[in-house]
Structure formats: C-alpha cells, structure tokens
Amino acid sequence: LTLTIMEGLLIRTGTSQYIIPLDCIIETFIAAPEEITIMPDGAEFVRKRNLLYPVKRLHRIHSLTGAVEQLSAGIQLLVKDRDNQALLFIDEIVGQETTVVKSLPDYLGSVSTVSGCAILGNGEICQILNIPAIIEHVCII
C-alpha cells in the first residue's frame, strides 16, 4: 500500500467541493469587469498584467448546478502545468488541507479531470482535480 500526502486548496463550486494541489496554483483573485474579454465564439479570457488567460469554468467541466455565473462575482485561480497556464473559475476558497491521496474507486471509471480523491476531516469524500487535464480541456467552457 502506497500513500501520498499532498498540500491542497479546498474549493467549492456549486454544491461540490474539490482539492487542487497547491503546487499548481500561482495566484487567486477576483476579476474586475474591465479585465474580462468574451470572444465572438464564446471563449472567455481575463487580462492580468497585460497577458490574456483563458478561463476554464469548473462547473461547466463537471456539469454542476447552482454555481456562480458572472465572472466578476466568483474567484479566478491562476493554475499552471509546466509552461501552460489558465484561469480556473470557482465560487469559493474553503481552506487549505493536508490530504492523503487515494486512487478513484473502479466503479467510478476514469475521469480525465480528476486524479484521485481524499477523505476530509468530516468524513466527506472530495475529488482531487487533475490540473494538466483541465488546462488542456478542449471544449469551450
């Protein structure tokens, strides 16, 4: 039995909670309306320090309901994978967690945007996001 312990940021989108590995996060902020650009094809970008970052809406990737829709009302997480960066749009930062990473149970199958799961202190199971897969997600989200 091999266990991995990871520092992560516990976040919430809609009614679901997730953990993001801390080493993937560059910064967090709330985007001002003048920093938001929406392209004619619906792709969303936020300008920060004269760079445009694509926005990945977590609630659309995982088909969640009850999430914040307005980009200037939620939180942007600037995340990275090697040289690639993107903004992950979420509702709330719950806190920082030290978690034991467990593999996904076989009955859940393979979910490309989830790398594993963890059991929180209250006994709730929380999915750990696969940031490289989210950055490479090809759908308009």
C-alpha atoms as a PDB file:
ATOM      1  CA  LEU A   1       0.000   0.000   0.000  1.00  0.00           C
ATOM      2  CA  THR A   2       1.472   3.309  -1.099  1.00  0.00           C
ATOM      3  CA  LEU A   3       0.017   6.573   0.149  1.00  0.00           C
ATOM      4  CA  THR A   4       0.827  10.085  -0.968  1.00  0.00           C
ATOM      5  CA  ILE A   5       0.290  13.099   1.258  1.00  0.00           C
ATOM      6  CA  MET A   6      -0.400  16.373  -0.515  1.00  0.00           C
ATOM      7  CA  GLU A   7      -0.986  20.008   0.405  1.00  0.00           C
ATOM      8  CA  GLY A   8      -4.048  21.285  -1.395  1.00  0.00           C
ATOM      9  CA  LEU A   9      -6.541  24.106  -1.598  1.00  0.00           C
ATOM     10  CA  LEU A  10     -10.107  23.069  -0.769  1.00  0.00           C
ATOM     11  CA  ILE A  11     -12.509  24.925  -3.067  1.00  0.00           C
ATOM     12  CA  ARG A  12     -16.249  24.929  -3.722  1.00  0.00           C
ATOM     13  CA  THR A  13     -18.204  25.323  -6.946  1.00  0.00           C
ATOM     14  CA  GLY A  14     -21.958  24.938  -6.781  1.00  0.00           C
ATOM     15  CA  THR A  15     -22.593  22.315  -4.110  1.00  0.00           C
ATOM     16  CA  SER A  16     -19.401  20.336  -4.847  1.00  0.00           C
ATOM     17  CA  GLN A  17     -16.014  20.593  -3.159  1.00  0.00           C
ATOM     18  CA  TYR A  18     -12.662  19.785  -4.755  1.00  0.00           C
ATOM     19  CA  ILE A  19      -8.999  19.850  -3.811  1.00  0.00           C
ATOM     20  CA  ILE A  20      -6.391  21.478  -6.038  1.00  0.00           C
ATOM     21  CA  PRO A  21      -2.705  20.671  -5.421  1.00  0.00           C
ATOM     22  CA  LEU A  22      -1.017  23.797  -4.020  1.00  0.00           C
ATOM     23  CA  ASP A  23       1.985  23.392  -6.310  1.00  0.00           C
ATOM     24  CA  CYS A  24      -0.304  24.029  -9.326  1.00  0.00           C
ATOM     25  CA  ILE A  25      -1.620  27.371  -8.066  1.00  0.00           C
ATOM     26  CA  ILE A  26       0.134  30.636  -8.932  1.00  0.00           C
ATOM     27  CA  GLU A  27      -2.366  33.138  -7.506  1.00  0.00           C
ATOM     28  CA  THR A  28      -6.022  33.810  -6.763  1.00  0.00           C
ATOM     29  CA  PHE A  29      -8.021  36.963  -7.476  1.00  0.00           C
ATOM     30  CA  ILE A  30     -11.431  38.366  -8.349  1.00  0.00           C
ATOM     31  CA  ALA A  31     -11.526  39.707 -11.917  1.00  0.00           C
ATOM     32  CA  ALA A  32     -12.735  43.260 -12.446  1.00  0.00           C
ATOM     33  CA  PRO A  33     -15.306  43.656 -15.247  1.00  0.00           C
ATOM     34  CA  GLU A  34     -12.833  45.657 -17.370  1.00  0.00           C
ATOM     35  CA  GLU A  35     -10.337  42.737 -17.258  1.00  0.00           C
ATOM     36  CA  ILE A  36     -12.833  40.276 -18.824  1.00  0.00           C
ATOM     37  CA  THR A  37     -12.928  39.637 -22.593  1.00  0.00           C
ATOM     38  CA  ILE A  38     -15.508  37.410 -24.270  1.00  0.00           C
ATOM     39  CA  MET A  39     -14.702  36.377 -27.843  1.00  0.00           C
ATOM     40  CA  PRO A  40     -17.393  36.029 -30.562  1.00  0.00           C
ATOM     41  CA  ASP A  41     -17.163  32.221 -30.258  1.00  0.00           C
ATOM     42  CA  GLY A  42     -17.926  32.452 -26.509  1.00  0.00           C
ATOM     43  CA  ALA A  43     -14.360  31.825 -25.280  1.00  0.00           C
ATOM     44  CA  GLU A  44     -13.630  33.825 -22.142  1.00  0.00           C
ATOM     45  CA  PHE A  45     -10.342  35.464 -21.182  1.00  0.00           C
ATOM     46  CA  VAL A  46      -9.144  37.618 -18.306  1.00  0.00           C
ATOM     47  CA  ARG A  47      -6.332  40.140 -18.728  1.00  0.00           C
ATOM     48  CA  LYS A  48      -3.836  40.189 -15.858  1.00  0.00           C
ATOM     49  CA  ARG A  49      -0.500  42.055 -16.082  1.00  0.00           C
ATOM     50  CA  ASN A  50      -1.007  42.578 -19.848  1.00  0.00           C
ATOM     51  CA  LEU A  51      -1.468  38.840 -20.511  1.00  0.00           C
ATOM     52  CA  LEU A  52      -4.728  37.169 -21.579  1.00  0.00           C
ATOM     53  CA  TYR A  53      -5.505  33.939 -19.737  1.00  0.00           C
ATOM     54  CA  PRO A  54      -8.227  31.518 -20.885  1.00  0.00           C
ATOM     55  CA  VAL A  55     -10.975  30.872 -18.340  1.00  0.00           C
ATOM     56  CA  LYS A  56     -11.997  27.293 -17.526  1.00  0.00           C
ATOM     57  CA  ARG A  57     -15.340  27.166 -15.714  1.00  0.00           C
ATOM     58  CA  LEU A  58     -15.209  24.209 -13.313  1.00  0.00           C
ATOM     59  CA  HIS A  59     -18.995  23.998 -13.049  1.00  0.00           C
ATOM     60  CA  ARG A  60     -19.250  23.507 -16.825  1.00  0.00           C
ATOM     61  CA  ILE A  61     -16.442  20.950 -16.979  1.00  0.00           C
ATOM     62  CA  HIS A  62     -18.197  18.811 -14.327  1.00  0.00           C
ATOM     63  CA  SER A  63     -21.820  19.751 -15.206  1.00  0.00           C
ATOM     64  CA  LEU A  64     -22.547  21.265 -11.794  1.00  0.00           C
ATOM     65  CA  THR A  65     -25.615  23.303 -10.899  1.00  0.00           C
ATOM     66  CA  GLY A  66     -26.006  26.232  -8.526  1.00  0.00           C
ATOM     67  CA  ALA A  67     -22.633  27.802  -9.355  1.00  0.00           C
ATOM     68  CA  VAL A  68     -21.803  31.489  -9.735  1.00  0.00           C
ATOM     69  CA  GLU A  69     -22.144  32.521 -13.400  1.00  0.00           C
ATOM     70  CA  GLN A  70     -20.810  36.089 -13.501  1.00  0.00           C
ATOM     71  CA  LEU A  71     -17.013  36.095 -13.894  1.00  0.00           C
ATOM     72  CA  SER A  72     -16.590  39.206 -11.764  1.00  0.00           C
ATOM     73  CA  ALA A  73     -18.566  37.597  -8.905  1.00  0.00           C
ATOM     74  CA  GLY A  74     -16.504  34.420  -8.486  1.00  0.00           C
ATOM     75  CA  ILE A  75     -12.847  33.651  -7.866  1.00  0.00           C
ATOM     76  CA  GLN A  76     -10.179  33.100 -10.503  1.00  0.00           C
ATOM     77  CA  LEU A  77      -7.373  30.660  -9.715  1.00  0.00           C
ATOM     78  CA  LEU A  78      -4.340  31.074 -11.958  1.00  0.00           C
ATOM     79  CA  VAL A  79      -3.106  27.498 -12.319  1.00  0.00           C
ATOM     80  CA  LYS A  80      -0.124  26.048 -14.161  1.00  0.00           C
ATOM     81  CA  ASP A  81       1.230  22.885 -15.677  1.00  0.00           C
ATOM     82  CA  ARG A  82       4.807  23.306 -16.822  1.00  0.00           C
ATOM     83  CA  ASP A  83       4.673  26.255 -19.264  1.00  0.00           C
ATOM     84  CA  ASN A  84       0.872  26.299 -19.688  1.00  0.00           C
ATOM     85  CA  GLN A  85      -1.372  28.494 -17.577  1.00  0.00           C
ATOM     86  CA  ALA A  86      -5.121  29.045 -17.352  1.00  0.00           C
ATOM     87  CA  LEU A  87      -7.704  30.500 -15.019  1.00  0.00           C
ATOM     88  CA  LEU A  88      -9.994  28.136 -13.169  1.00  0.00           C
ATOM     89  CA  PHE A  89     -13.265  29.864 -12.263  1.00  0.00           C
ATOM     90  CA  ILE A  90     -14.708  28.777  -8.886  1.00  0.00           C
ATOM     91  CA  ASP A  91     -17.233  30.011  -6.326  1.00  0.00           C
ATOM     92  CA  GLU A  92     -15.284  29.925  -3.072  1.00  0.00           C
ATOM     93  CA  ILE A  93     -11.988  29.036  -1.396  1.00  0.00           C
ATOM     94  CA  VAL A  94     -12.830  26.946   1.668  1.00  0.00           C
ATOM     95  CA  GLY A  95      -9.324  26.497   3.066  1.00  0.00           C
ATOM     96  CA  GLN A  96      -6.033  24.663   2.897  1.00  0.00           C
ATOM     97  CA  GLU A  97      -5.907  20.904   3.514  1.00  0.00           C
ATOM     98  CA  THR A  98      -3.197  18.322   4.047  1.00  0.00           C
ATOM     99  CA  THR A  99      -4.709  15.219   2.480  1.00  0.00           C
ATOM    100  CA  VAL A 100      -3.899  11.602   1.824  1.00  0.00           C
ATOM    101  CA  VAL A 101      -4.356  10.939  -1.887  1.00  0.00           C
ATOM    102  CA  LYS A 102      -6.317   7.831  -2.770  1.00  0.00           C
ATOM    103  CA  SER A 103      -6.997   6.424  -6.222  1.00  0.00           C
ATOM    104  CA  LEU A 104     -10.502   6.622  -7.639  1.00  0.00           C
ATOM    105  CA  PRO A 105     -12.633   3.534  -6.999  1.00  0.00           C
ATOM    106  CA  ASP A 106     -13.082   1.264 -10.031  1.00  0.00           C
ATOM    107  CA  TYR A 107     -16.844   1.778 -10.116  1.00  0.00           C
ATOM    108  CA  LEU A 108     -16.320   5.491 -10.916  1.00  0.00           C
ATOM    109  CA  GLY A 109     -14.292   4.655 -14.006  1.00  0.00           C
ATOM    110  CA  SER A 110     -11.755   7.064 -15.429  1.00  0.00           C
ATOM    111  CA  VAL A 111     -12.440  10.785 -15.179  1.00  0.00           C
ATOM    112  CA  SER A 112      -9.710  12.719 -17.007  1.00  0.00           C
ATOM    113  CA  THR A 113     -10.133  15.919 -14.960  1.00  0.00           C
ATOM    114  CA  VAL A 114      -9.870  14.093 -11.614  1.00  0.00           C
ATOM    115  CA  SER A 115      -6.606  12.491 -10.463  1.00  0.00           C
ATOM    116  CA  GLY A 116      -7.812  10.931  -7.211  1.00  0.00           C
ATOM    117  CA  CYS A 117      -9.807  11.545  -4.085  1.00  0.00           C
ATOM    118  CA  ALA A 118      -9.311  12.313  -0.419  1.00  0.00           C
ATOM    119  CA  ILE A 119     -11.307  11.889   2.761  1.00  0.00           C
ATOM    120  CA  LEU A 120     -11.804  15.191   4.567  1.00  0.00           C
ATOM    121  CA  GLY A 121     -11.759  15.583   8.345  1.00  0.00           C
ATOM    122  CA  ASN A 122     -15.571  15.459   8.461  1.00  0.00           C
ATOM    123  CA  GLY A 123     -15.583  12.105   6.602  1.00  0.00           C
ATOM    124  CA  GLU A 124     -16.716  13.571   3.285  1.00  0.00           C
ATOM    125  CA  ILE A 125     -15.032  12.307   0.117  1.00  0.00           C
ATOM    126  CA  CYS A 126     -13.517  15.041  -2.041  1.00  0.00           C
ATOM    127  CA  GLN A 127     -12.170  14.736  -5.587  1.00  0.00           C
ATOM    128  CA  ILE A 128      -8.659  15.985  -6.399  1.00  0.00           C
ATOM    129  CA  LEU A 129      -8.529  17.934  -9.650  1.00  0.00           C
ATOM    130  CA  ASN A 130      -6.116  16.983 -12.427  1.00  0.00           C
ATOM    131  CA  ILE A 131      -4.916  20.481 -13.375  1.00  0.00           C
ATOM    132  CA  PRO A 132      -2.933  19.450 -16.515  1.00  0.00           C
ATOM    133  CA  ALA A 133      -6.068  17.806 -17.944  1.00  0.00           C
ATOM    134  CA  ILE A 134      -8.204  20.843 -17.121  1.00  0.00           C
ATOM    135  CA  ILE A 135      -5.732  23.197 -18.800  1.00  0.00           C
ATOM    136  CA  GLU A 136      -5.783  21.015 -21.924  1.00  0.00           C
ATOM    137  CA  HIS A 137      -9.586  20.667 -21.900  1.00  0.00           C
ATOM    138  CA  VAL A 138     -10.623  21.384 -25.497  1.00  0.00           C
ATOM    139  CA  CYS A 139     -14.288  22.321 -25.063  1.00  0.00           C
ATOM    140  CA  ILE A 140     -15.382  25.951 -24.875  1.00  0.00           C
ATOM    141  CA  ILE A 141     -16.021  26.306 -21.173  1.00  0.00           C
END
